[in-house]
């Protein structure tokens, strides 16, 4: 996929995908010129909020 995403200056956009094995996180930081941060962590089945 080759799409362009942006966040308005001063805003932060977050995307979270909780899966069965991993939780993926994406953050677009409009305060830092649209810098993108990506993280992956194991999903915690007993409480999925721990992975986030």
PDB file of N, CA and C in Angstrom:
ATOM      1  N   UNK A   1       0.857  -1.170   0.000  1.00  0.00           N
ATOM      2  CA  UNK A   1       0.000   0.000   0.000  1.00  0.00           C
ATOM      3  C   UNK A   1       0.897   1.224   0.000  1.00  0.00           C
ATOM      4  N   UNK A   2       0.584   2.169  -0.847  1.00  0.00           N
ATOM      5  CA  UNK A   2       1.428   3.338  -0.994  1.00  0.00           C
ATOM      6  C   UNK A   2       0.585   4.600  -0.883  1.00  0.00           C
ATOM      7  N   UNK A   3       0.037   4.846   0.277  1.00  0.00           N
ATOM      8  CA  UNK A   3      -0.804   6.009   0.492  1.00  0.00           C
ATOM      9  C   UNK A   3      -0.069   7.018   1.351  1.00  0.00           C
ATOM     10  N   UNK A   4      -0.435   8.292   1.201  1.00  0.00           N
ATOM     11  CA  UNK A   4       0.190   9.339   1.993  1.00  0.00           C
ATOM     12  C   UNK A   4      -0.803   9.811   3.053  1.00  0.00           C
ATOM     13  N   UNK A   5      -0.367   9.805   4.295  1.00  0.00           N
ATOM     14  CA  UNK A   5      -1.187  10.270   5.408  1.00  0.00           C
ATOM     15  C   UNK A   5      -0.493  11.464   6.039  1.00  0.00           C
ATOM     16  N   UNK A   6      -1.263  12.354   6.625  1.00  0.00           N
ATOM     17  CA  UNK A   6      -0.663  13.486   7.313  1.00  0.00           C
ATOM     18  C   UNK A   6      -1.515  13.859   8.516  1.00  0.00           C
ATOM     19  N   UNK A   7      -0.887  14.546   9.448  1.00  0.00           N
ATOM     20  CA  UNK A   7      -1.590  15.060  10.621  1.00  0.00           C
ATOM     21  C   UNK A   7      -1.446  16.574  10.601  1.00  0.00           C
ATOM     22  N   UNK A   8      -2.504  17.277  10.930  1.00  0.00           N
ATOM     23  CA  UNK A   8      -2.445  18.727  10.972  1.00  0.00           C
ATOM     24  C   UNK A   8      -1.406  19.164  11.993  1.00  0.00           C
ATOM     25  N   UNK A   9      -0.758  20.293  11.717  1.00  0.00           N
ATOM     26  CA  UNK A   9       0.263  20.799  12.631  1.00  0.00           C
ATOM     27  C   UNK A   9      -0.314  20.919  14.032  1.00  0.00           C
ATOM     28  N   UNK A  10       0.403  20.402  15.009  1.00  0.00           N
ATOM     29  CA  UNK A  10      -0.025  20.475  16.394  1.00  0.00           C
ATOM     30  C   UNK A  10      -0.925  19.341  16.838  1.00  0.00           C
ATOM     31  N   UNK A  11      -1.268  18.433  15.931  1.00  0.00           N
ATOM     32  CA  UNK A  11      -2.134  17.320  16.311  1.00  0.00           C
ATOM     33  C   UNK A  11      -1.360  16.006  16.281  1.00  0.00           C
ATOM     34  N   UNK A  12      -1.951  14.999  16.882  1.00  0.00           N
ATOM     35  CA  UNK A  12      -1.361  13.665  16.905  1.00  0.00           C
ATOM     36  C   UNK A  12      -2.450  12.680  16.494  1.00  0.00           C
ATOM     37  N   UNK A  13      -2.116  11.768  15.581  1.00  0.00           N
ATOM     38  CA  UNK A  13      -3.055  10.751  15.119  1.00  0.00           C
ATOM     39  C   UNK A  13      -2.492   9.388  15.491  1.00  0.00           C
ATOM     40  N   UNK A  14      -3.325   8.540  16.100  1.00  0.00           N
ATOM     41  CA  UNK A  14      -2.875   7.207  16.513  1.00  0.00           C
ATOM     42  C   UNK A  14      -3.764   6.148  15.880  1.00  0.00           C
ATOM     43  N   UNK A  15      -3.138   5.044  15.490  1.00  0.00           N
ATOM     44  CA  UNK A  15      -3.863   3.888  14.982  1.00  0.00           C
ATOM     45  C   UNK A  15      -3.384   2.654  15.719  1.00  0.00           C
ATOM     46  N   UNK A  16      -4.315   1.809  16.138  1.00  0.00           N
ATOM     47  CA  UNK A  16      -3.969   0.615  16.919  1.00  0.00           C
ATOM     48  C   UNK A  16      -4.710  -0.578  16.336  1.00  0.00           C
ATOM     49  N   UNK A  17      -3.988  -1.669  16.115  1.00  0.00           N
ATOM     50  CA  UNK A  17      -4.584  -2.920  15.641  1.00  0.00           C
ATOM     51  C   UNK A  17      -4.215  -4.015  16.625  1.00  0.00           C
ATOM     52  N   UNK A  18      -5.201  -4.472  17.404  1.00  0.00           N
ATOM     53  CA  UNK A  18      -4.966  -5.553  18.364  1.00  0.00           C
ATOM     54  C   UNK A  18      -5.281  -6.861  17.660  1.00  0.00           C
ATOM     55  N   UNK A  19      -4.257  -7.679  17.455  1.00  0.00           N
ATOM     56  CA  UNK A  19      -4.437  -8.960  16.791  1.00  0.00           C
ATOM     57  C   UNK A  19      -4.265 -10.105  17.768  1.00  0.00           C
ATOM     58  N   UNK A  20      -4.344 -11.302  17.261  1.00  0.00           N
ATOM     59  CA  UNK A  20      -4.234 -12.478  18.111  1.00  0.00           C
ATOM     60  C   UNK A  20      -2.833 -12.737  18.615  1.00  0.00           C
ATOM     61  N   UNK A  21      -1.812 -12.308  17.852  1.00  0.00           N
ATOM     62  CA  UNK A  21      -0.423 -12.535  18.245  1.00  0.00           C
ATOM     63  C   UNK A  21       0.287 -11.241  18.608  1.00  0.00           C
ATOM     64  N   UNK A  22       0.096 -10.200  17.796  1.00  0.00           N
ATOM     65  CA  UNK A  22       0.771  -8.926  18.027  1.00  0.00           C
ATOM     66  C   UNK A  22      -0.223  -7.774  18.023  1.00  0.00           C
ATOM     67  N   UNK A  23       0.147  -6.696  18.727  1.00  0.00           N
ATOM     68  CA  UNK A  23      -0.568  -5.434  18.689  1.00  0.00           C
ATOM     69  C   UNK A  23       0.323  -4.447  17.962  1.00  0.00           C
ATOM     70  N   UNK A  24      -0.204  -3.832  16.899  1.00  0.00           N
ATOM     71  CA  UNK A  24       0.551  -2.866  16.106  1.00  0.00           C
ATOM     72  C   UNK A  24       0.057  -1.467  16.431  1.00  0.00           C
ATOM     73  N   UNK A  25       1.008  -0.542  16.574  1.00  0.00           N
ATOM     74  CA  UNK A  25       0.669   0.837  16.884  1.00  0.00           C
ATOM     75  C   UNK A  25       1.347   1.765  15.882  1.00  0.00           C
ATOM     76  N   UNK A  26       0.618   2.799  15.445  1.00  0.00           N
ATOM     77  CA  UNK A  26       1.123   3.790  14.510  1.00  0.00           C
ATOM     78  C   UNK A  26       0.770   5.158  15.069  1.00  0.00           C
ATOM     79  N   UNK A  27       1.730   6.066  15.088  1.00  0.00           N
ATOM     80  CA  UNK A  27       1.500   7.417  15.589  1.00  0.00           C
ATOM     81  C   UNK A  27       2.051   8.399  14.570  1.00  0.00           C
ATOM     82  N   UNK A  28       1.224   9.345  14.133  1.00  0.00           N
ATOM     83  CA  UNK A  28       1.675  10.424  13.259  1.00  0.00           C
ATOM     84  C   UNK A  28       1.681  11.684  14.108  1.00  0.00           C
ATOM     85  N   UNK A  29       2.856  12.267  14.278  1.00  0.00           N
ATOM     86  CA  UNK A  29       3.045  13.407  15.175  1.00  0.00           C
ATOM     87  C   UNK A  29       3.108  14.702  14.377  1.00  0.00           C
ATOM     88  N   UNK A  30       1.983  15.420  14.324  1.00  0.00           N
ATOM     89  CA  UNK A  30       1.932  16.691  13.619  1.00  0.00           C
ATOM     90  C   UNK A  30       2.783  17.758  14.273  1.00  0.00           C
ATOM     91  N   UNK A  31       3.066  17.609  15.561  1.00  0.00           N
ATOM     92  CA  UNK A  31       3.912  18.562  16.279  1.00  0.00           C
ATOM     93  C   UNK A  31       5.370  18.430  15.859  1.00  0.00           C
ATOM     94  N   UNK A  32       5.730  17.271  15.297  1.00  0.00           N
ATOM     95  CA  UNK A  32       7.109  17.013  14.862  1.00  0.00           C
ATOM     96  C   UNK A  32       7.175  16.942  13.337  1.00  0.00           C
ATOM     97  N   UNK A  33       6.331  17.713  12.659  1.00  0.00           N
ATOM     98  CA  UNK A  33       6.377  17.763  11.208  1.00  0.00           C
ATOM     99  C   UNK A  33       5.837  16.526  10.517  1.00  0.00           C
ATOM    100  N   UNK A  34       4.976  15.777  11.184  1.00  0.00           N
ATOM    101  CA  UNK A  34       4.387  14.584  10.586  1.00  0.00           C
ATOM    102  C   UNK A  34       5.227  13.335  10.740  1.00  0.00           C
ATOM    103  N   UNK A  35       6.155  13.355  11.682  1.00  0.00           N
ATOM    104  CA  UNK A  35       6.995  12.177  11.918  1.00  0.00           C
ATOM    105  C   UNK A  35       6.122  10.977  12.280  1.00  0.00           C
ATOM    106  N   UNK A  36       6.463   9.817  11.717  1.00  0.00           N
ATOM    107  CA  UNK A  36       5.691   8.595  11.934  1.00  0.00           C
ATOM    108  C   UNK A  36       6.458   7.670  12.872  1.00  0.00           C
ATOM    109  N   UNK A  37       5.768   7.173  13.890  1.00  0.00           N
ATOM    110  CA  UNK A  37       6.339   6.212  14.837  1.00  0.00           C
ATOM    111  C   UNK A  37       5.549   4.912  14.702  1.00  0.00           C
ATOM    112  N   UNK A  38       6.251   3.788  14.625  1.00  0.00           N
ATOM    113  CA  UNK A  38       5.607   2.478  14.495  1.00  0.00           C
ATOM    114  C   UNK A  38       6.135   1.571  15.594  1.00  0.00           C
ATOM    115  N   UNK A  39       5.231   0.808  16.217  1.00  0.00           N
ATOM    116  CA  UNK A  39       5.636  -0.132  17.267  1.00  0.00           C
ATOM    117  C   UNK A  39       4.841  -1.423  17.124  1.00  0.00           C
ATOM    118  N   UNK A  40       5.433  -2.514  17.572  1.00  0.00           N
ATOM    119  CA  UNK A  40       4.783  -3.826  17.575  1.00  0.00           C
ATOM    120  C   UNK A  40       5.109  -4.467  18.911  1.00  0.00           C
ATOM    121  N   UNK A  41       4.079  -4.989  19.569  1.00  0.00           N
ATOM    122  CA  UNK A  41       4.264  -5.623  20.868  1.00  0.00           C
ATOM    123  C   UNK A  41       3.390  -6.875  20.933  1.00  0.00           C
ATOM    124  N   UNK A  42       3.785  -7.873  21.685  1.00  0.00           N
ATOM    125  CA  UNK A  42       2.941  -9.070  21.790  1.00  0.00           C
ATOM    126  C   UNK A  42       1.574  -8.732  22.393  1.00  0.00           C
ATOM    127  N   UNK A  43       0.536  -9.331  21.855  1.00  0.00           N
ATOM    128  CA  UNK A  43      -0.806  -9.163  22.411  1.00  0.00           C
ATOM    129  C   UNK A  43      -0.897  -9.940  23.719  1.00  0.00           C
ATOM    130  N   UNK A  44      -1.478  -9.308  24.722  1.00  0.00           N
ATOM    131  CA  UNK A  44      -1.688  -9.980  26.006  1.00  0.00           C
ATOM    132  C   UNK A  44      -3.142 -10.428  26.053  1.00  0.00           C
ATOM    133  N   UNK A  45      -3.343 -11.729  25.926  1.00  0.00           N
ATOM    134  CA  UNK A  45      -4.694 -12.281  25.809  1.00  0.00           C
ATOM    135  C   UNK A  45      -5.533 -11.992  27.047  1.00  0.00           C
ATOM    136  N   UNK A  46      -4.930 -12.067  28.233  1.00  0.00           N
ATOM    137  CA  UNK A  46      -5.699 -11.870  29.465  1.00  0.00           C
ATOM    138  C   UNK A  46      -6.231 -10.447  29.608  1.00  0.00           C
ATOM    139  N   UNK A  47      -5.548  -9.459  29.028  1.00  0.00           N
ATOM    140  CA  UNK A  47      -6.018  -8.077  29.048  1.00  0.00           C
ATOM    141  C   UNK A  47      -5.368  -7.355  27.875  1.00  0.00           C
ATOM    142  N   UNK A  48      -6.104  -7.177  26.787  1.00  0.00           N
ATOM    143  CA  UNK A  48      -5.536  -6.593  25.575  1.00  0.00           C
ATOM    144  C   UNK A  48      -5.063  -5.158  25.775  1.00  0.00           C
ATOM    145  N   UNK A  49      -5.556  -4.466  26.784  1.00  0.00           N
ATOM    146  CA  UNK A  49      -5.120  -3.098  27.054  1.00  0.00           C
ATOM    147  C   UNK A  49      -3.646  -3.042  27.433  1.00  0.00           C
ATOM    148  N   UNK A  50      -3.098  -4.119  28.013  1.00  0.00           N
ATOM    149  CA  UNK A  50      -1.679  -4.132  28.381  1.00  0.00           C
ATOM    150  C   UNK A  50      -0.794  -3.987  27.146  1.00  0.00           C
ATOM    151  N   UNK A  51      -1.202  -4.549  26.026  1.00  0.00           N
ATOM    152  CA  UNK A  51      -0.426  -4.447  24.793  1.00  0.00           C
ATOM    153  C   UNK A  51      -0.416  -3.047  24.216  1.00  0.00           C
ATOM    154  N   UNK A  52      -1.458  -2.299  24.497  1.00  0.00           N
ATOM    155  CA  UNK A  52      -1.565  -0.932  23.998  1.00  0.00           C
ATOM    156  C   UNK A  52      -0.763  -0.016  24.894  1.00  0.00           C
TER     157      UNK A  52
END
